[in-house]
Protein backbone atom coordinates (compact mmCIF):
# COMPACT_ATOMS: atom_id res chain seq x y z
CA UNK A 1 6.69 -26.40 54.50
CA UNK A 2 3.12 -25.76 55.02
CA UNK A 3 3.15 -23.66 57.60
CA UNK A 4 5.16 -21.06 55.37
CA UNK A 5 2.05 -21.10 53.69
CA UNK A 6 -0.01 -20.18 56.73
CA UNK A 7 -1.45 -23.45 57.08
CA UNK A 8 -1.55 -24.79 60.64
CA UNK A 9 -0.50 -28.43 60.76
CA UNK A 10 -2.19 -28.85 64.46
CA UNK A 11 -4.84 -31.13 65.54
CA UNK A 12 -8.14 -29.30 66.41
CA UNK A 13 -9.53 -30.17 69.61
CA UNK A 14 -13.23 -29.74 70.23
CA UNK A 15 -14.90 -29.67 73.50
CA UNK A 16 -17.54 -32.33 74.46
CA UNK A 17 -21.10 -30.61 75.01
CA UNK A 18 -23.42 -31.95 77.58
CA UNK A 19 -25.12 -34.86 75.84
CA UNK A 20 -28.79 -33.03 75.57
CA UNK A 21 -27.33 -30.42 73.52
CA UNK A 22 -25.07 -32.51 71.59
CA UNK A 23 -27.18 -33.21 68.75
CA UNK A 24 -28.62 -29.72 68.53
CA UNK A 25 -25.14 -27.75 68.40
CA UNK A 26 -23.53 -30.29 65.89
CA UNK A 27 -26.30 -29.92 63.41
CA UNK A 28 -26.14 -26.20 64.06
CA UNK A 29 -22.81 -26.09 63.39
CA UNK A 30 -23.17 -28.55 60.29
CA UNK A 31 -25.80 -26.47 58.77
CA UNK A 32 -23.32 -22.64 59.64
CA UNK A 33 -19.99 -24.90 57.46
CA UNK A 34 -22.47 -25.59 54.73
CA UNK A 35 -23.60 -22.00 54.39
CA UNK A 36 -20.30 -20.59 54.70
CA UNK A 37 -18.99 -23.15 52.34
CA UNK A 38 -21.88 -22.08 49.54
CA UNK A 39 -20.84 -18.65 50.25
CA UNK A 40 -17.62 -19.15 49.77
CA UNK A 41 -18.33 -20.78 46.58
CA UNK A 42 -20.55 -17.73 45.37
CA UNK A 43 -17.40 -15.52 45.71
CA UNK A 44 -15.51 -17.52 43.80
CA UNK A 45 -17.71 -18.07 41.20
CA UNK A 46 -18.81 -14.47 41.00
CA UNK A 47 -15.51 -12.91 41.40
CA UNK A 48 -14.49 -10.64 38.73
CA UNK A 49 -17.46 -12.25 36.44
CA UNK A 50 -15.64 -15.57 36.00
CA UNK A 51 -16.45 -19.21 37.29
CA UNK A 52 -14.77 -22.00 39.17
CA UNK A 53 -12.47 -24.14 37.08
CA UNK A 54 -14.25 -27.35 35.63
CA UNK A 55 -12.83 -31.08 36.97
CA UNK A 56 -9.79 -31.72 35.18
CA UNK A 57 -8.16 -28.56 34.13
CA UNK A 58 -4.86 -28.42 34.16
CA UNK A 59 -2.49 -24.93 34.69
CA UNK A 60 0.48 -24.30 33.61
CA UNK A 61 2.93 -22.02 34.83
CA UNK A 62 6.14 -21.44 32.48
CA UNK A 63 8.90 -20.33 34.87
CA UNK A 64 11.68 -18.13 33.29
CA UNK A 65 13.70 -15.72 32.65
CA UNK A 66 14.99 -13.40 29.89
CA UNK A 67 16.96 -14.81 27.07
CA UNK A 68 16.03 -18.70 28.18
CA UNK A 69 14.19 -19.38 25.10
CA UNK A 70 10.65 -18.81 26.77
CA UNK A 71 8.67 -16.94 23.79
CA UNK A 72 9.06 -20.39 21.74
CA UNK A 73 8.38 -22.41 25.14
CA UNK A 74 5.40 -20.64 25.30
CA UNK A 75 4.23 -21.02 21.60
CA UNK A 76 5.13 -24.47 21.72
CA UNK A 77 1.93 -24.37 24.12
CA UNK A 78 0.34 -21.50 22.70
CA UNK A 79 -0.37 -23.55 19.56
CA UNK A 80 -2.04 -26.21 21.09
CA UNK A 81 -5.55 -26.33 20.32
CA UNK A 82 -6.92 -27.45 23.70
CA UNK A 83 -4.34 -24.30 25.65
CA UNK A 84 -5.36 -21.03 26.44
CA UNK A 85 -1.78 -19.24 26.64
CA UNK A 86 -1.11 -15.63 27.43
CA UNK A 87 2.33 -14.41 27.43
CA UNK A 88 3.66 -12.66 30.29
CA UNK A 89 0.65 -11.19 32.19
CA UNK A 90 2.71 -10.57 35.00
CA UNK A 91 4.52 -7.86 32.88
CA UNK A 92 0.72 -5.52 33.70
CA UNK A 93 2.22 -5.32 37.49
CA UNK A 94 5.62 -4.35 36.79
CA UNK A 95 4.24 -1.43 34.42
CA UNK A 96 1.49 -0.50 37.11
CA UNK A 97 4.13 -0.30 39.96
CA UNK A 98 6.94 0.71 38.72
CA UNK A 99 8.73 1.12 41.80
CA UNK A 100 8.61 -1.55 43.67
CA UNK A 101 11.85 -3.43 44.23
CA UNK A 102 11.44 -7.46 42.14
CA UNK A 103 11.06 -8.97 45.31
CA UNK A 104 7.73 -6.81 46.46
CA UNK A 105 6.29 -7.29 43.07
CA UNK A 106 6.22 -10.54 43.15
CA UNK A 107 2.97 -11.29 45.72
CA UNK A 108 0.67 -9.05 43.33
CA UNK A 109 2.33 -10.84 40.63
CA UNK A 110 1.44 -14.62 41.96
CA UNK A 111 -2.22 -13.28 42.56
CA UNK A 112 -2.65 -11.90 39.20
CA UNK A 113 -1.56 -15.41 37.97
CA UNK A 114 -4.03 -16.71 40.50
CA UNK A 115 -6.96 -14.66 38.80
CA UNK A 116 -5.71 -15.18 35.48
CA UNK A 117 -5.44 -19.15 35.84
CA UNK A 118 -9.39 -18.77 37.34
CA UNK A 119 -10.02 -17.26 33.49
CA UNK A 120 -10.88 -13.64 35.55
CA UNK A 121 -9.91 -11.53 33.00
CA UNK A 122 -11.04 -8.27 34.65
CA UNK A 123 -8.16 -8.57 37.36
CA UNK A 124 -5.79 -7.29 35.02
CA UNK A 125 -7.91 -3.66 35.05
CA UNK A 126 -6.56 -3.28 38.34
CA UNK A 127 -3.03 -3.07 36.80
CA UNK A 128 -4.44 -0.30 34.29
CA UNK A 129 -5.20 -2.77 31.26
CA UNK A 130 -7.97 -1.18 29.14
CA UNK A 131 -11.24 -2.05 30.58
CA UNK A 132 -12.69 -2.46 26.95
CA UNK A 133 -10.27 -4.87 24.68
CA UNK A 134 -8.44 -7.62 25.26
CA UNK A 135 -5.69 -6.35 22.94
CA UNK A 136 -4.79 -4.36 26.08
CA UNK A 137 -3.41 -7.82 27.14
CA UNK A 138 0.51 -7.68 27.04
CA UNK A 139 1.80 -9.55 23.70
CA UNK A 140 -1.87 -10.87 22.52
CA UNK A 141 -1.40 -11.70 19.39
CA UNK A 142 1.29 -14.54 20.54
CA UNK A 143 -2.14 -15.93 22.07
CA UNK A 144 -3.18 -18.43 19.33
CA UNK A 145 -6.83 -18.48 21.89
CA UNK A 146 -7.03 -14.83 21.73
CA UNK A 147 -7.31 -14.75 18.12
CA UNK A 148 -9.84 -18.17 17.73
CA UNK A 149 -13.47 -18.70 18.21
CA UNK A 150 -14.84 -18.06 20.97
CA UNK A 151 -12.97 -15.13 21.08
CA UNK A 152 -12.42 -14.12 17.51
CA UNK A 153 -14.17 -15.25 14.31
CA UNK A 154 -11.54 -14.69 11.66
CA UNK A 155 -10.05 -18.46 12.65
CA UNK A 156 -10.17 -21.48 13.32
CA UNK A 157 -9.64 -22.93 17.01
CA UNK A 158 -7.05 -25.67 15.40
CA UNK A 159 -4.99 -23.09 12.90
CA UNK A 160 -0.93 -22.65 13.56
CA UNK A 161 -1.28 -19.18 13.80
CA UNK A 162 0.96 -15.68 12.97
CA UNK A 163 0.88 -13.25 15.35
CA UNK A 164 1.03 -10.65 12.63
CA UNK A 165 -2.03 -11.99 10.94
CA UNK A 166 -3.49 -12.19 14.23
CA UNK A 167 -3.30 -8.51 15.14
CA UNK A 168 -4.27 -7.25 11.66
CA UNK A 169 -8.08 -9.11 12.34
CA UNK A 170 -8.51 -9.55 16.00
CA UNK A 171 -7.47 -6.73 17.58
CA UNK A 172 -11.26 -5.56 18.48
CA UNK A 173 -12.30 -8.42 20.25
CA UNK A 174 -13.57 -7.04 23.57
CA UNK A 175 -11.71 -7.99 27.28
CA UNK A 176 -15.23 -10.02 28.08
CA UNK A 177 -14.23 -12.79 25.43
CA UNK A 178 -10.76 -13.35 26.43
CA UNK A 179 -12.31 -15.02 29.17
CA UNK A 180 -15.26 -16.46 27.93
CA UNK A 181 -12.72 -17.87 25.54
CA UNK A 182 -10.61 -19.31 28.13
CA UNK A 183 -13.17 -21.31 30.23
CA UNK A 184 -13.60 -23.17 27.17
CA UNK A 185 -10.20 -24.63 27.11
CA UNK A 186 -8.53 -27.97 29.04
CA UNK A 187 -5.60 -25.90 29.86
CA UNK A 188 -4.67 -22.57 30.44
CA UNK A 189 -0.68 -21.85 30.07
CA UNK A 190 0.76 -18.61 31.36
CA UNK A 191 4.50 -17.43 31.24
CA UNK A 192 6.56 -15.86 33.71
CA UNK A 193 9.60 -14.03 34.42
CA UNK A 194 11.50 -11.95 37.45
CA UNK A 195 10.10 -14.59 39.78
CA UNK A 196 13.63 -14.90 42.20
CA UNK A 197 11.67 -17.35 44.79
CA UNK A 198 10.14 -20.41 44.27
CA UNK A 199 8.42 -20.26 47.42
CA UNK A 200 6.03 -16.92 46.18
CA UNK A 201 4.30 -19.33 44.08
CA UNK A 202 3.79 -21.49 47.16
CA UNK A 203 0.01 -20.12 47.99
CA UNK A 204 -0.93 -20.99 44.19
CA UNK A 205 -0.08 -24.74 45.46
CA UNK A 206 -2.67 -24.28 48.32
CA UNK A 207 -5.58 -23.50 46.18
CA UNK A 208 -7.22 -27.27 45.61
CA UNK A 209 -9.01 -25.10 42.68
CA UNK A 210 -6.11 -25.48 40.73
CA UNK A 211 -4.36 -28.47 39.13
CA UNK A 212 -0.56 -26.67 38.91
CA UNK A 213 2.28 -28.11 36.69
CA UNK A 214 5.51 -25.64 36.95
CA UNK A 215 7.59 -25.63 34.19
CA UNK A 216 10.90 -23.80 34.87
CA UNK A 217 13.07 -23.32 31.58
CA UNK A 218 16.49 -22.03 32.09
CA UNK A 219 18.43 -19.52 30.49
CA UNK A 220 21.10 -20.48 28.75
CA UNK A 221 24.06 -19.85 31.23
CA UNK A 222 26.82 -20.04 28.62
CA UNK A 223 26.93 -16.22 27.69
CA UNK A 224 25.16 -14.94 24.64
CA UNK A 225 25.38 -11.50 23.35
CA UNK A 226 23.18 -9.78 25.50
CA UNK A 227 24.77 -11.58 28.74
CA UNK A 228 28.26 -10.54 27.28
CA UNK A 229 27.34 -7.24 26.56
CA UNK A 230 26.41 -6.71 29.81
CA UNK A 231 29.40 -7.75 31.11
CA UNK A 232 31.70 -6.27 28.74
CA UNK A 233 30.65 -2.70 30.25
CA UNK A 234 31.82 -4.57 33.50
CA UNK A 235 29.39 -1.76 35.00
CA UNK A 236 28.76 -2.67 38.79
CA UNK A 237 25.23 -2.93 38.04
CA UNK A 238 24.89 -5.11 35.27
CA UNK A 239 27.10 -7.43 36.91
CA UNK A 240 24.99 -7.53 39.81
CA UNK A 241 21.29 -8.12 38.01
CA UNK A 242 23.72 -10.92 35.77
CA UNK A 243 24.42 -12.44 39.33
CA UNK A 244 20.82 -11.99 41.05
CA UNK A 245 19.88 -13.74 37.62
CA UNK A 246 21.95 -17.27 38.10
CA UNK A 247 21.85 -17.04 41.86
CA UNK A 248 17.87 -16.79 41.76
CA UNK A 249 17.65 -19.73 38.84
CA UNK A 250 19.75 -22.39 40.91
CA UNK A 251 18.07 -21.08 44.24
CA UNK A 252 14.98 -22.06 42.73
CA UNK A 253 15.89 -25.34 41.20
CA UNK A 254 17.35 -26.54 44.58
CA UNK A 255 14.41 -25.48 46.50
CA UNK A 256 12.48 -27.86 44.27
CA UNK A 257 14.79 -30.57 44.58
CA UNK A 258 15.59 -29.85 48.10
CA UNK A 259 13.41 -28.74 50.33
CA UNK A 260 9.59 -29.38 48.25
CA UNK A 261 6.40 -29.04 50.20
CA UNK A 262 4.49 -32.04 49.96
CA UNK A 263 1.75 -30.12 47.16
CA UNK A 264 4.77 -29.32 45.27
CA UNK A 265 6.07 -33.00 43.94
CA UNK A 266 5.59 -34.29 41.27
CA UNK A 267 4.28 -30.29 39.68
CA UNK A 268 7.65 -29.11 39.03
CA UNK A 269 10.23 -29.84 35.99
CA UNK A 270 13.44 -28.45 34.78
CA UNK A 271 14.33 -27.99 31.26
CA UNK A 272 17.55 -26.07 30.76
CA UNK A 273 17.68 -24.24 27.08
CA UNK A 274 19.92 -26.53 25.64
CA UNK A 275 17.13 -29.79 27.04
CA UNK A 276 15.26 -27.53 24.36
CA UNK A 277 17.25 -26.68 21.42
CA UNK A 278 18.59 -29.97 21.39
CA UNK A 279 15.84 -32.00 20.88
CA UNK A 280 12.97 -30.23 20.79
CA UNK A 281 10.19 -32.49 19.60
CA UNK A 282 11.29 -35.16 22.21
CA UNK A 283 10.86 -32.13 24.81
CA UNK A 284 7.51 -31.00 23.63
CA UNK A 285 6.77 -35.23 24.06
CA UNK A 286 7.57 -34.69 27.36
CA UNK A 287 6.01 -31.42 28.02
CA UNK A 288 3.01 -32.70 26.83
CA UNK A 289 2.93 -35.65 28.92
CA UNK A 290 3.91 -34.07 31.93
CA UNK A 291 1.10 -31.83 31.33
CA UNK A 292 -1.63 -34.23 29.68
CA UNK A 293 -1.58 -32.27 26.58
CA UNK A 294 -1.80 -35.27 23.56
CA UNK A 295 0.66 -34.40 20.17
CA UNK A 296 -0.15 -34.31 16.52
CA UNK A 297 1.92 -34.56 13.23
CA UNK A 298 0.96 -30.74 12.77
CA UNK A 299 2.17 -29.93 15.75
CA UNK A 300 5.45 -32.06 15.70
CA UNK A 301 5.76 -30.87 11.56
CA UNK A 302 5.70 -26.96 13.17
CA UNK A 303 7.57 -27.63 16.07
CA UNK A 304 10.42 -29.21 13.47
CA UNK A 305 10.30 -27.12 10.39
CA UNK A 306 10.52 -23.77 12.98
CA UNK A 307 13.47 -25.61 15.05
CA UNK A 308 15.36 -26.85 11.88
CA UNK A 309 15.15 -23.55 9.43
CA UNK A 310 18.49 -22.45 7.61
CA UNK A 311 17.19 -20.11 5.47
CA UNK A 312 16.52 -16.06 6.20
CA UNK A 313 14.71 -14.88 9.49
CA UNK A 314 10.63 -14.42 8.88
CA UNK A 315 10.21 -11.46 11.74
CA UNK A 316 6.23 -12.06 10.39
CA UNK A 317 6.29 -16.10 11.32
CA UNK A 318 7.79 -16.35 15.06
CA UNK A 319 11.52 -15.36 16.06
CA UNK A 320 12.26 -18.49 17.00
CA UNK A 321 12.14 -19.59 13.45
CA UNK A 322 16.11 -20.99 12.80
CA UNK A 323 18.33 -24.12 13.26
CA UNK A 324 18.37 -23.38 17.17
CA UNK A 325 20.77 -26.40 17.97
CA UNK A 326 23.09 -24.01 16.02
CA UNK A 327 22.54 -20.66 18.02
CA UNK A 328 23.32 -22.14 20.92
CA UNK A 329 26.76 -23.08 19.90
CA UNK A 330 26.86 -19.96 18.68
CA UNK A 331 29.14 -18.33 21.21
CA UNK A 332 31.51 -20.76 21.10
CA UNK A 333 33.08 -19.05 18.05
CA UNK A 334 32.08 -15.65 18.19
CA UNK A 335 33.05 -14.66 21.58
CA UNK A 336 36.65 -14.30 22.90
CA UNK A 337 37.74 -16.06 25.54
CA UNK A 338 38.22 -12.95 28.29
CA UNK A 339 34.48 -12.48 27.67
CA UNK A 340 33.76 -16.05 27.94
CA UNK A 341 35.31 -16.13 31.63
CA UNK A 342 33.81 -12.92 32.31
CA UNK A 343 30.50 -14.57 32.37
CA UNK A 344 31.65 -18.01 33.71
CA UNK A 345 33.14 -15.75 37.05
CA UNK A 346 29.98 -14.46 37.93
CA UNK A 347 27.58 -17.26 37.34
CA UNK A 348 29.96 -20.12 38.11
CA UNK A 349 27.61 -21.53 40.92
CA UNK A 350 25.10 -21.74 39.48
CA UNK A 351 26.62 -22.86 36.02
CA UNK A 352 28.00 -26.34 38.48
CA UNK A 353 24.30 -26.59 40.00
CA UNK A 354 23.35 -26.50 36.01
CA UNK A 355 25.98 -29.13 34.94
CA UNK A 356 27.64 -26.55 32.73
CA UNK A 357 30.98 -26.94 32.54
CA UNK A 358 33.34 -24.15 32.23
CA UNK A 359 36.00 -23.82 29.59
CA UNK A 360 39.67 -23.50 30.91
CA UNK A 361 40.79 -22.25 27.96
CA UNK A 362 40.41 -20.55 23.98
CA UNK A 363 40.94 -24.35 22.31
CA UNK A 364 38.64 -26.10 24.86
CA UNK A 365 36.33 -23.10 23.83
CA UNK A 366 36.38 -24.01 20.17
CA UNK A 367 36.53 -27.26 20.34
CA UNK A 368 32.74 -28.32 19.35
CA UNK A 369 33.70 -31.81 19.54
CA UNK A 370 33.41 -31.69 23.49
CA UNK A 371 30.00 -31.25 24.99
CA UNK A 372 30.10 -28.79 27.72
CA UNK A 373 26.12 -29.58 29.29
CA UNK A 374 26.21 -33.06 31.90
CA UNK A 375 22.97 -34.52 31.55
CA UNK A 376 19.90 -33.47 33.41
CA UNK A 377 19.73 -37.07 35.35
CA UNK A 378 23.57 -36.68 36.73
CA UNK A 379 22.75 -33.39 37.79
CA UNK A 380 20.39 -33.99 39.88
CA UNK A 381 22.00 -36.84 41.51
CA UNK A 382 25.00 -35.04 41.97
CA UNK A 383 22.58 -31.93 43.99
CA UNK A 384 20.32 -33.86 45.74
CA UNK A 385 22.98 -35.12 48.03
CA UNK A 386 25.32 -32.26 47.91
CA UNK A 387 25.26 -29.17 50.39
CA UNK A 388 28.07 -27.16 48.86
CA UNK A 389 24.85 -24.69 47.77
CA UNK A 390 23.48 -24.33 50.53
CA UNK A 391 23.77 -20.93 51.06
CA UNK A 392 21.83 -20.38 47.28
CA UNK A 393 18.63 -21.56 49.19
């Protein structure tokens, strides 16, 4: 609720002054209010040398975790000619404050996101980024906007960008050019990981200058090679990390579904990894409609090509260039039933929240005709009326 954001909801009472002084006092109050408002707007515009976002700008937050397809999802926005995109800029916070717990670092990370949504690139300097070059931004070649005008003149703004080409031609762009580029776009998209409570992001909703849209991209809770290797090692710390990731992802979804603050309604969208890889073109269309972006035949062809690739992997193009639907099912014939059971035991509550059906035998695991992912609409209806997972949120 709004009280958690530090916004009171009580009525404001005013004492009535004598009639003779009412006009003078009201006029004075209005002048003071106008002056303070002008100073606030001036401060917001000048902080870190940026200007307030123009009316109509949309701010997109790709909220995810590791191994979720978020690199691919980020590129679906980065390659759009109307989007200024940065991949995991909050990594600067984790690198600069390595001793802090993930929960405590959510605050500084959120504040950095707030500044970047307002195109205040100089805010990165507070977390150790080089003061001069855009190439010091984490994973900067993954941002098409940093590789096209006005940030870099080597390519056209509407080009589908290869990160290796960007790195070769645009590594000497000043940081000021990144801010200059940002303010020319109608959409600013940031991808983040390592957020464990949705409530940590609620202050972003309190800023009327931000038209925020959250896309929660869920890590696949079916075991992949990374999860299996950690589970197979069976170290207490590895199991704890896995359980924390699964628990936090479910908790954030239930917070948005059951107890959203008014400002969050209509601004949160869940997408599971399987939803993305099974119908990438359809999912892109849903995301673009949700965020107010128009697609194009060129973008749709690019999405289809990189998700239906059966040839050798080309690391210079994009790490997701492969047959995505086959990748999402690979665990069913590559892993042992015992390995699958280990992960299912660790993430069992979250699997039920997100509609992942566990396998009870090796025969069931190998049977690719059996769909183990429930439709998203079905799980949403179930979770809204259920109190079984109140311990998750």
